[in-house]
Amino acid sequence: MLMMVNNNENAPSAGRDLTDALREEERKIRELRCLVDITTAVIAQGNISVLEACALIRLTRRHVLELFPDKEKLFELIHRPRFARIIQERLKKSPAWMN
């Protein structure tokens, strides 16, 4: 007699794993946004030197790459230009001694 095996036994577990993976990805994305927004705000407020801003960007980059190790090129294409624009804009408005 041929018995039918139910392949759906693992379906609830697979769905739960997918949901957990999606939640983790969403958590990482929220953390990335928060980190980039805070870094942007600190640089934009103008109370730090360019050297300190660059150090903050390096730390931000390091943390972003810990969250998303394979996304270095995206950081360089999206976030670094954003930070550079803010520094450039702030330099126009800040006193010379601050830079």
PDB file of N, CA and C in Angstrom:
ATOM      1  N   MET A   1       0.833  -1.164   0.000  1.00  0.00           N
ATOM      2  CA  MET A   1       0.000   0.000   0.000  1.00  0.00           C
ATOM      3  C   MET A   1       0.892   1.247   0.000  1.00  0.00           C
ATOM      4  N   LEU A   2       0.568   2.180  -0.835  1.00  0.00           N
ATOM      5  CA  LEU A   2       1.318   3.420  -0.950  1.00  0.00           C
ATOM      6  C   LEU A   2       0.771   4.440   0.031  1.00  0.00           C
ATOM      7  N   MET A   3       1.671   4.999   0.835  1.00  0.00           N
ATOM      8  CA  MET A   3       1.233   5.995   1.826  1.00  0.00           C
ATOM      9  C   MET A   3       1.604   7.390   1.336  1.00  0.00           C
ATOM     10  N   MET A   4       0.720   8.298   1.521  1.00  0.00           N
ATOM     11  CA  MET A   4       0.979   9.686   1.171  1.00  0.00           C
ATOM     12  C   MET A   4       1.627  10.377   2.364  1.00  0.00           C
ATOM     13  N   VAL A   5       2.701  11.063   2.093  1.00  0.00           N
ATOM     14  CA  VAL A   5       3.391  11.803   3.140  1.00  0.00           C
ATOM     15  C   VAL A   5       2.954  13.256   3.046  1.00  0.00           C
ATOM     16  N   ASN A   6       2.613  13.797   4.161  1.00  0.00           N
ATOM     17  CA  ASN A   6       2.181  15.193   4.202  1.00  0.00           C
ATOM     18  C   ASN A   6       3.422  16.078   4.290  1.00  0.00           C
ATOM     19  N   ASN A   7       3.720  16.805   3.213  1.00  0.00           N
ATOM     20  CA  ASN A   7       4.880  17.695   3.187  1.00  0.00           C
ATOM     21  C   ASN A   7       4.620  19.014   3.902  1.00  0.00           C
ATOM     22  N   ASN A   8       3.414  19.214   4.358  1.00  0.00           N
ATOM     23  CA  ASN A   8       3.077  20.463   5.023  1.00  0.00           C
ATOM     24  C   ASN A   8       3.400  20.442   6.509  1.00  0.00           C
ATOM     25  N   GLU A   9       3.971  19.336   7.003  1.00  0.00           N
ATOM     26  CA  GLU A   9       4.311  19.260   8.418  1.00  0.00           C
ATOM     27  C   GLU A   9       5.291  20.352   8.815  1.00  0.00           C
ATOM     28  N   ASN A  10       6.209  20.689   7.927  1.00  0.00           N
ATOM     29  CA  ASN A  10       7.201  21.711   8.236  1.00  0.00           C
ATOM     30  C   ASN A  10       6.742  23.112   7.850  1.00  0.00           C
ATOM     31  N   ALA A  11       5.598  23.219   7.229  1.00  0.00           N
ATOM     32  CA  ALA A  11       5.129  24.527   6.758  1.00  0.00           C
ATOM     33  C   ALA A  11       4.974  25.546   7.881  1.00  0.00           C
ATOM     34  N   PRO A  12       4.354  25.206   9.014  1.00  0.00           N
ATOM     35  CA  PRO A  12       4.254  26.215  10.075  1.00  0.00           C
ATOM     36  C   PRO A  12       5.625  26.666  10.579  1.00  0.00           C
ATOM     37  N   SER A  13       6.543  25.755  10.680  1.00  0.00           N
ATOM     38  CA  SER A  13       7.892  26.097  11.130  1.00  0.00           C
ATOM     39  C   SER A  13       8.607  26.973  10.111  1.00  0.00           C
ATOM     40  N   ALA A  14       8.471  26.650   8.839  1.00  0.00           N
ATOM     41  CA  ALA A  14       9.107  27.442   7.777  1.00  0.00           C
ATOM     42  C   ALA A  14       8.518  28.843   7.739  1.00  0.00           C
ATOM     43  N   GLY A  15       7.213  28.946   7.899  1.00  0.00           N
ATOM     44  CA  GLY A  15       6.569  30.257   7.919  1.00  0.00           C
ATOM     45  C   GLY A  15       7.021  31.091   9.100  1.00  0.00           C
ATOM     46  N   ARG A  16       7.187  30.445  10.244  1.00  0.00           N
ATOM     47  CA  ARG A  16       7.656  31.133  11.450  1.00  0.00           C
ATOM     48  C   ARG A  16       9.087  31.608  11.261  1.00  0.00           C
ATOM     49  N   ASP A  17       9.931  30.768  10.649  1.00  0.00           N
ATOM     50  CA  ASP A  17      11.317  31.155  10.391  1.00  0.00           C
ATOM     51  C   ASP A  17      11.383  32.355   9.454  1.00  0.00           C
ATOM     52  N   LEU A  18      10.540  32.352   8.430  1.00  0.00           N
ATOM     53  CA  LEU A  18      10.501  33.462   7.483  1.00  0.00           C
ATOM     54  C   LEU A  18      10.046  34.745   8.179  1.00  0.00           C
ATOM     55  N   THR A  19       9.024  34.625   9.009  1.00  0.00           N
ATOM     56  CA  THR A  19       8.532  35.774   9.763  1.00  0.00           C
ATOM     57  C   THR A  19       9.609  36.307  10.690  1.00  0.00           C
ATOM     58  N   ASP A  20      10.315  35.422  11.377  1.00  0.00           N
ATOM     59  CA  ASP A  20      11.397  35.840  12.267  1.00  0.00           C
ATOM     60  C   ASP A  20      12.515  36.531  11.487  1.00  0.00           C
ATOM     61  N   ALA A  21      12.840  35.997  10.314  1.00  0.00           N
ATOM     62  CA  ALA A  21      13.888  36.594   9.486  1.00  0.00           C
ATOM     63  C   ALA A  21      13.464  37.981   9.000  1.00  0.00           C
ATOM     64  N   LEU A  22      12.197  38.114   8.620  1.00  0.00           N
ATOM     65  CA  LEU A  22      11.700  39.423   8.182  1.00  0.00           C
ATOM     66  C   LEU A  22      11.706  40.430   9.325  1.00  0.00           C
ATOM     67  N   ARG A  23      11.317  39.987  10.516  1.00  0.00           N
ATOM     68  CA  ARG A  23      11.353  40.874  11.685  1.00  0.00           C
ATOM     69  C   ARG A  23      12.772  41.324  11.983  1.00  0.00           C
ATOM     70  N   GLU A  24      13.703  40.410  11.887  1.00  0.00           N
ATOM     71  CA  GLU A  24      15.104  40.750  12.153  1.00  0.00           C
ATOM     72  C   GLU A  24      15.624  41.739  11.113  1.00  0.00           C
ATOM     73  N   GLU A  25      15.273  41.526   9.862  1.00  0.00           N
ATOM     74  CA  GLU A  25      15.682  42.451   8.800  1.00  0.00           C
ATOM     75  C   GLU A  25      15.084  43.835   9.022  1.00  0.00           C
ATOM     76  N   GLU A  26      13.810  43.882   9.403  1.00  0.00           N
ATOM     77  CA  GLU A  26      13.163  45.160   9.692  1.00  0.00           C
ATOM     78  C   GLU A  26      13.820  45.858  10.882  1.00  0.00           C
ATOM     79  N   ARG A  27      14.207  45.092  11.902  1.00  0.00           N
ATOM     80  CA  ARG A  27      14.885  45.663  13.062  1.00  0.00           C
ATOM     81  C   ARG A  27      16.214  46.282  12.650  1.00  0.00           C
ATOM     82  N   LYS A  28      16.952  45.573  11.811  1.00  0.00           N
ATOM     83  CA  LYS A  28      18.234  46.085  11.333  1.00  0.00           C
ATOM     84  C   LYS A  28      18.057  47.364  10.514  1.00  0.00           C
ATOM     85  N   ILE A  29      17.027  47.394   9.684  1.00  0.00           N
ATOM     86  CA  ILE A  29      16.763  48.579   8.867  1.00  0.00           C
ATOM     87  C   ILE A  29      16.390  49.763   9.752  1.00  0.00           C
ATOM     88  N   ARG A  30      15.566  49.532  10.780  1.00  0.00           N
ATOM     89  CA  ARG A  30      15.224  50.616  11.714  1.00  0.00           C
ATOM     90  C   ARG A  30      16.465  51.123  12.434  1.00  0.00           C
ATOM     91  N   GLU A  31      17.331  50.211  12.845  1.00  0.00           N
ATOM     92  CA  GLU A  31      18.567  50.597  13.511  1.00  0.00           C
ATOM     93  C   GLU A  31      19.463  51.407  12.575  1.00  0.00           C
ATOM     94  N   LEU A  32      19.550  50.988  11.326  1.00  0.00           N
ATOM     95  CA  LEU A  32      20.328  51.716  10.329  1.00  0.00           C
ATOM     96  C   LEU A  32      19.798  53.140  10.163  1.00  0.00           C
ATOM     97  N   ARG A  33      18.484  53.266   9.975  1.00  0.00           N
ATOM     98  CA  ARG A  33      17.882  54.594   9.800  1.00  0.00           C
ATOM     99  C   ARG A  33      18.145  55.487  11.003  1.00  0.00           C
ATOM    100  N   CYS A  34      17.952  54.935  12.186  1.00  0.00           N
ATOM    101  CA  CYS A  34      18.158  55.700  13.409  1.00  0.00           C
ATOM    102  C   CYS A  34      19.619  56.152  13.520  1.00  0.00           C
ATOM    103  N   LEU A  35      20.528  55.251  13.261  1.00  0.00           N
ATOM    104  CA  LEU A  35      21.956  55.558  13.340  1.00  0.00           C
ATOM    105  C   LEU A  35      22.346  56.654  12.347  1.00  0.00           C
ATOM    106  N   VAL A  36      21.891  56.532  11.125  1.00  0.00           N
ATOM    107  CA  VAL A  36      22.210  57.529  10.094  1.00  0.00           C
ATOM    108  C   VAL A  36      21.548  58.866  10.425  1.00  0.00           C
ATOM    109  N   ASP A  37      20.318  58.837  10.909  1.00  0.00           N
ATOM    110  CA  ASP A  37      19.638  60.080  11.272  1.00  0.00           C
ATOM    111  C   ASP A  37      20.335  60.792  12.427  1.00  0.00           C
ATOM    112  N   ILE A  38      20.761  60.041  13.429  1.00  0.00           N
ATOM    113  CA  ILE A  38      21.467  60.643  14.566  1.00  0.00           C
ATOM    114  C   ILE A  38      22.806  61.212  14.118  1.00  0.00           C
ATOM    115  N   THR A  39      23.531  60.468  13.318  1.00  0.00           N
ATOM    116  CA  THR A  39      24.819  60.953  12.808  1.00  0.00           C
ATOM    117  C   THR A  39      24.626  62.231  12.003  1.00  0.00           C
ATOM    118  N   THR A  40      23.615  62.232  11.156  1.00  0.00           N
ATOM    119  CA  THR A  40      23.305  63.413  10.347  1.00  0.00           C
ATOM    120  C   THR A  40      22.990  64.610  11.244  1.00  0.00           C
ATOM    121  N   ALA A  41      22.182  64.395  12.265  1.00  0.00           N
ATOM    122  CA  ALA A  41      21.794  65.488  13.158  1.00  0.00           C
ATOM    123  C   ALA A  41      22.987  66.042  13.920  1.00  0.00           C
ATOM    124  N   VAL A  42      23.847  65.166  14.413  1.00  0.00           N
ATOM    125  CA  VAL A  42      25.025  65.615  15.169  1.00  0.00           C
ATOM    126  C   VAL A  42      25.949  66.436  14.278  1.00  0.00           C
ATOM    127  N   ILE A  43      26.173  65.983  13.065  1.00  0.00           N
ATOM    128  CA  ILE A  43      27.045  66.722  12.147  1.00  0.00           C
ATOM    129  C   ILE A  43      26.398  68.049  11.760  1.00  0.00           C
ATOM    130  N   ALA A  44      25.101  68.027  11.492  1.00  0.00           N
ATOM    131  CA  ALA A  44      24.405  69.229  11.026  1.00  0.00           C
ATOM    132  C   ALA A  44      24.306  70.308  12.094  1.00  0.00           C
ATOM    133  N   GLN A  45      24.260  69.916  13.347  1.00  0.00           N
ATOM    134  CA  GLN A  45      24.113  70.930  14.388  1.00  0.00           C
ATOM    135  C   GLN A  45      25.342  71.824  14.491  1.00  0.00           C
ATOM    136  N   GLY A  46      26.484  71.363  13.989  1.00  0.00           N
ATOM    137  CA  GLY A  46      27.639  72.226  13.859  1.00  0.00           C
ATOM    138  C   GLY A  46      28.482  72.427  15.088  1.00  0.00           C
ATOM    139  N   ASN A  47      28.284  71.629  16.123  1.00  0.00           N
ATOM    140  CA  ASN A  47      29.067  71.789  17.345  1.00  0.00           C
ATOM    141  C   ASN A  47      30.294  70.888  17.400  1.00  0.00           C
ATOM    142  N   ILE A  48      30.651  70.286  16.295  1.00  0.00           N
ATOM    143  CA  ILE A  48      31.836  69.434  16.248  1.00  0.00           C
ATOM    144  C   ILE A  48      32.714  69.867  15.078  1.00  0.00           C
ATOM    145  N   SER A  49      33.975  69.520  15.173  1.00  0.00           N
ATOM    146  CA  SER A  49      34.907  69.867  14.092  1.00  0.00           C
ATOM    147  C   SER A  49      34.736  68.888  12.937  1.00  0.00           C
ATOM    148  N   VAL A  50      35.329  69.229  11.831  1.00  0.00           N
ATOM    149  CA  VAL A  50      35.291  68.335  10.669  1.00  0.00           C
ATOM    150  C   VAL A  50      35.988  67.019  11.004  1.00  0.00           C
ATOM    151  N   LEU A  51      37.079  67.091  11.738  1.00  0.00           N
ATOM    152  CA  LEU A  51      37.801  65.882  12.141  1.00  0.00           C
ATOM    153  C   LEU A  51      36.907  64.980  12.990  1.00  0.00           C
ATOM    154  N   GLU A  52      36.180  65.574  13.930  1.00  0.00           N
ATOM    155  CA  GLU A  52      35.256  64.791  14.759  1.00  0.00           C
ATOM    156  C   GLU A  52      34.105  64.235  13.922  1.00  0.00           C
ATOM    157  N   ALA A  53      33.629  65.015  12.970  1.00  0.00           N
ATOM    158  CA  ALA A  53      32.562  64.542  12.087  1.00  0.00           C
ATOM    159  C   ALA A  53      33.025  63.341  11.267  1.00  0.00           C
ATOM    160  N   CYS A  54      34.247  63.410  10.781  1.00  0.00           N
ATOM    161  CA  CYS A  54      34.797  62.289  10.001  1.00  0.00           C
ATOM    162  C   CYS A  54      34.945  61.044  10.863  1.00  0.00           C
ATOM    163  N   ALA A  55      35.370  61.226  12.108  1.00  0.00           N
ATOM    164  CA  ALA A  55      35.488  60.089  13.028  1.00  0.00           C
ATOM    165  C   ALA A  55      34.115  59.480  13.298  1.00  0.00           C
ATOM    166  N   LEU A  56      33.112  60.328  13.466  1.00  0.00           N
ATOM    167  CA  LEU A  56      31.751  59.854  13.684  1.00  0.00           C
ATOM    168  C   LEU A  56      31.235  59.086  12.467  1.00  0.00           C
ATOM    169  N   ILE A  57      31.540  59.567  11.294  1.00  0.00           N
ATOM    170  CA  ILE A  57      31.137  58.874  10.060  1.00  0.00           C
ATOM    171  C   ILE A  57      31.812  57.511   9.976  1.00  0.00           C
ATOM    172  N   ARG A  58      33.090  57.444  10.328  1.00  0.00           N
ATOM    173  CA  ARG A  58      33.793  56.143  10.315  1.00  0.00           C
ATOM    174  C   ARG A  58      33.138  55.154  11.278  1.00  0.00           C
ATOM    175  N   LEU A  59      32.777  55.634  12.483  1.00  0.00           N
ATOM    176  CA  LEU A  59      32.110  54.757  13.455  1.00  0.00           C
ATOM    177  C   LEU A  59      30.738  54.312  12.947  1.00  0.00           C
ATOM    178  N   THR A  60      30.025  55.228  12.337  1.00  0.00           N
ATOM    179  CA  THR A  60      28.718  54.900  11.772  1.00  0.00           C
ATOM    180  C   THR A  60      28.865  53.852  10.674  1.00  0.00           C
ATOM    181  N   ARG A  61      29.822  54.056   9.806  1.00  0.00           N
ATOM    182  CA  ARG A  61      30.073  53.106   8.718  1.00  0.00           C
ATOM    183  C   ARG A  61      30.394  51.721   9.275  1.00  0.00           C
ATOM    184  N   ARG A  62      31.244  51.686  10.290  1.00  0.00           N
ATOM    185  CA  ARG A  62      31.619  50.404  10.892  1.00  0.00           C
ATOM    186  C   ARG A  62      30.380  49.686  11.427  1.00  0.00           C
ATOM    187  N   HIS A  63      29.519  50.420  12.119  1.00  0.00           N
ATOM    188  CA  HIS A  63      28.324  49.801  12.682  1.00  0.00           C
ATOM    189  C   HIS A  63      27.356  49.354  11.583  1.00  0.00           C
ATOM    190  N   VAL A  64      27.195  50.175  10.559  1.00  0.00           N
ATOM    191  CA  VAL A  64      26.329  49.807   9.439  1.00  0.00           C
ATOM    192  C   VAL A  64      26.826  48.516   8.786  1.00  0.00           C
ATOM    193  N   LEU A  65      28.132  48.400   8.625  1.00  0.00           N
ATOM    194  CA  LEU A  65      28.684  47.191   7.997  1.00  0.00           C
ATOM    195  C   LEU A  65      28.608  45.980   8.916  1.00  0.00           C
ATOM    196  N   GLU A  66      28.493  46.200  10.221  1.00  0.00           N
ATOM    197  CA  GLU A  66      28.227  45.082  11.128  1.00  0.00           C
ATOM    198  C   GLU A  66      26.791  44.589  10.937  1.00  0.00           C
ATOM    199  N   LEU A  67      25.887  45.522  10.712  1.00  0.00           N
ATOM    200  CA  LEU A  67      24.493  45.151  10.470  1.00  0.00           C
ATOM    201  C   LEU A  67      24.312  44.500   9.102  1.00  0.00           C
ATOM    202  N   PHE A  68      24.960  45.082   8.084  1.00  0.00           N
ATOM    203  CA  PHE A  68      24.825  44.623   6.703  1.00  0.00           C
ATOM    204  C   PHE A  68      26.217  44.483   6.080  1.00  0.00           C
ATOM    205  N   PRO A  69      26.916  43.386   6.355  1.00  0.00           N
ATOM    206  CA  PRO A  69      28.316  43.240   5.918  1.00  0.00           C
ATOM    207  C   PRO A  69      28.527  43.333   4.409  1.00  0.00           C
ATOM    208  N   ASP A  70      27.550  42.964   3.628  1.00  0.00           N
ATOM    209  CA  ASP A  70      27.725  42.931   2.180  1.00  0.00           C
ATOM    210  C   ASP A  70      27.241  44.211   1.492  1.00  0.00           C
ATOM    211  N   LYS A  71      26.990  45.277   2.243  1.00  0.00           N
ATOM    212  CA  LYS A  71      26.413  46.494   1.669  1.00  0.00           C
ATOM    213  C   LYS A  71      27.363  47.697   1.722  1.00  0.00           C
ATOM    214  N   GLU A  72      28.649  47.445   1.664  1.00  0.00           N
ATOM    215  CA  GLU A  72      29.625  48.537   1.719  1.00  0.00           C
ATOM    216  C   GLU A  72      29.447  49.515   0.554  1.00  0.00           C
ATOM    217  N   LYS A  73      29.228  48.988  -0.629  1.00  0.00           N
ATOM    218  CA  LYS A  73      29.064  49.864  -1.800  1.00  0.00           C
ATOM    219  C   LYS A  73      27.844  50.750  -1.655  1.00  0.00           C
ATOM    220  N   LEU A  74      26.759  50.213  -1.103  1.00  0.00           N
ATOM    221  CA  LEU A  74      25.562  51.027  -0.891  1.00  0.00           C
ATOM    222  C   LEU A  74      25.830  52.150   0.102  1.00  0.00           C
ATOM    223  N   PHE A  75      26.590  51.858   1.149  1.00  0.00           N
ATOM    224  CA  PHE A  75      26.939  52.922   2.098  1.00  0.00           C
ATOM    225  C   PHE A  75      27.697  54.025   1.384  1.00  0.00           C
ATOM    226  N   GLU A  76      28.657  53.631   0.566  1.00  0.00           N
ATOM    227  CA  GLU A  76      29.481  54.615  -0.138  1.00  0.00           C
ATOM    228  C   GLU A  76      28.667  55.409  -1.170  1.00  0.00           C
ATOM    229  N   LEU A  77      27.669  54.784  -1.764  1.00  0.00           N
ATOM    230  CA  LEU A  77      26.842  55.460  -2.771  1.00  0.00           C
ATOM    231  C   LEU A  77      25.740  56.332  -2.175  1.00  0.00           C
ATOM    232  N   ILE A  78      25.208  55.928  -1.029  1.00  0.00           N
ATOM    233  CA  ILE A  78      24.050  56.626  -0.469  1.00  0.00           C
ATOM    234  C   ILE A  78      24.415  57.509   0.714  1.00  0.00           C
ATOM    235  N   HIS A  79      25.035  56.932   1.718  1.00  0.00           N
ATOM    236  CA  HIS A  79      25.227  57.647   2.979  1.00  0.00           C
ATOM    237  C   HIS A  79      26.433  58.572   2.983  1.00  0.00           C
ATOM    238  N   ARG A  80      27.550  58.124   2.438  1.00  0.00           N
ATOM    239  CA  ARG A  80      28.736  58.987   2.460  1.00  0.00           C
ATOM    240  C   ARG A  80      28.496  60.320   1.740  1.00  0.00           C
ATOM    241  N   PRO A  81      27.882  60.344   0.557  1.00  0.00           N
ATOM    242  CA  PRO A  81      27.604  61.632  -0.081  1.00  0.00           C
ATOM    243  C   PRO A  81      26.676  62.519   0.758  1.00  0.00           C
ATOM    244  N   ARG A  82      25.730  61.901   1.427  1.00  0.00           N
ATOM    245  CA  ARG A  82      24.826  62.660   2.298  1.00  0.00           C
ATOM    246  C   ARG A  82      25.615  63.336   3.415  1.00  0.00           C
ATOM    247  N   PHE A  83      26.485  62.573   4.065  1.00  0.00           N
ATOM    248  CA  PHE A  83      27.307  63.136   5.134  1.00  0.00           C
ATOM    249  C   PHE A  83      28.230  64.224   4.590  1.00  0.00           C
ATOM    250  N   ALA A  84      28.810  63.979   3.433  1.00  0.00           N
ATOM    251  CA  ALA A  84      29.723  64.957   2.829  1.00  0.00           C
ATOM    252  C   ALA A  84      29.000  66.265   2.521  1.00  0.00           C
ATOM    253  N   ARG A  85      27.778  66.179   2.006  1.00  0.00           N
ATOM    254  CA  ARG A  85      26.997  67.395   1.725  1.00  0.00           C
ATOM    255  C   ARG A  85      26.731  68.185   2.992  1.00  0.00           C
ATOM    256  N   ILE A  86      26.407  67.485   4.060  1.00  0.00           N
ATOM    257  CA  ILE A  86      26.132  68.171   5.322  1.00  0.00           C
ATOM    258  C   ILE A  86      27.385  68.857   5.845  1.00  0.00           C
ATOM    259  N   ILE A  87      28.519  68.173   5.788  1.00  0.00           N
ATOM    260  CA  ILE A  87      29.779  68.773   6.235  1.00  0.00           C
ATOM    261  C   ILE A  87      30.096  69.990   5.374  1.00  0.00           C
ATOM    262  N   GLN A  88      29.958  69.859   4.067  1.00  0.00           N
ATOM    263  CA  GLN A  88      30.234  70.967   3.149  1.00  0.00           C
ATOM    264  C   GLN A  88      29.343  72.163   3.467  1.00  0.00           C
ATOM    265  N   GLU A  89      28.076  71.921   3.673  1.00  0.00           N
ATOM    266  CA  GLU A  89      27.133  72.993   3.985  1.00  0.00           C
ATOM    267  C   GLU A  89      27.470  73.637   5.325  1.00  0.00           C
ATOM    268  N   ARG A  90      27.808  72.835   6.283  1.00  0.00           N
ATOM    269  CA  ARG A  90      28.134  73.349   7.617  1.00  0.00           C
ATOM    270  C   ARG A  90      29.414  74.173   7.588  1.00  0.00           C
ATOM    271  N   LEU A  91      30.364  73.770   6.759  1.00  0.00           N
ATOM    272  CA  LEU A  91      31.619  74.511   6.660  1.00  0.00           C
ATOM    273  C   LEU A  91      31.385  75.938   6.177  1.00  0.00           C
ATOM    274  N   LYS A  92      30.407  76.136   5.328  1.00  0.00           N
ATOM    275  CA  LYS A  92      30.101  77.464   4.816  1.00  0.00           C
ATOM    276  C   LYS A  92      29.580  78.376   5.920  1.00  0.00           C
ATOM    277  N   LYS A  93      28.961  77.775   6.939  1.00  0.00           N
ATOM    278  CA  LYS A  93      28.305  78.556   7.987  1.00  0.00           C
ATOM    279  C   LYS A  93      29.099  78.634   9.284  1.00  0.00           C
ATOM    280  N   SER A  94      30.117  77.806   9.453  1.00  0.00           N
ATOM    281  CA  SER A  94      30.805  77.748  10.744  1.00  0.00           C
ATOM    282  C   SER A  94      32.028  78.638  10.766  1.00  0.00           C
ATOM    283  N   PRO A  95      32.456  79.059  11.960  1.00  0.00           N
ATOM    284  CA  PRO A  95      33.668  79.862  12.066  1.00  0.00           C
ATOM    285  C   PRO A  95      34.897  79.038  11.668  1.00  0.00           C
ATOM    286  N   ALA A  96      35.916  79.701  11.201  1.00  0.00           N
ATOM    287  CA  ALA A  96      37.119  79.020  10.701  1.00  0.00           C
ATOM    288  C   ALA A  96      37.784  78.166  11.772  1.00  0.00           C
ATOM    289  N   TRP A  97      37.778  78.619  13.012  1.00  0.00           N
ATOM    290  CA  TRP A  97      38.455  77.873  14.066  1.00  0.00           C
ATOM    291  C   TRP A  97      37.809  76.512  14.318  1.00  0.00           C
ATOM    292  N   MET A  98      36.547  76.372  13.944  1.00  0.00           N
ATOM    293  CA  MET A  98      35.826  75.128  14.180  1.00  0.00           C
ATOM    294  C   MET A  98      36.244  74.041  13.200  1.00  0.00           C
ATOM    295  N   ASN A  99      36.831  74.430  12.097  1.00  0.00           N
ATOM    296  CA  ASN A  99      37.168  73.477  11.043  1.00  0.00           C
ATOM    297  C   ASN A  99      38.631  73.155  11.121  1.00  0.00           C
TER     298      ASN A  99
END
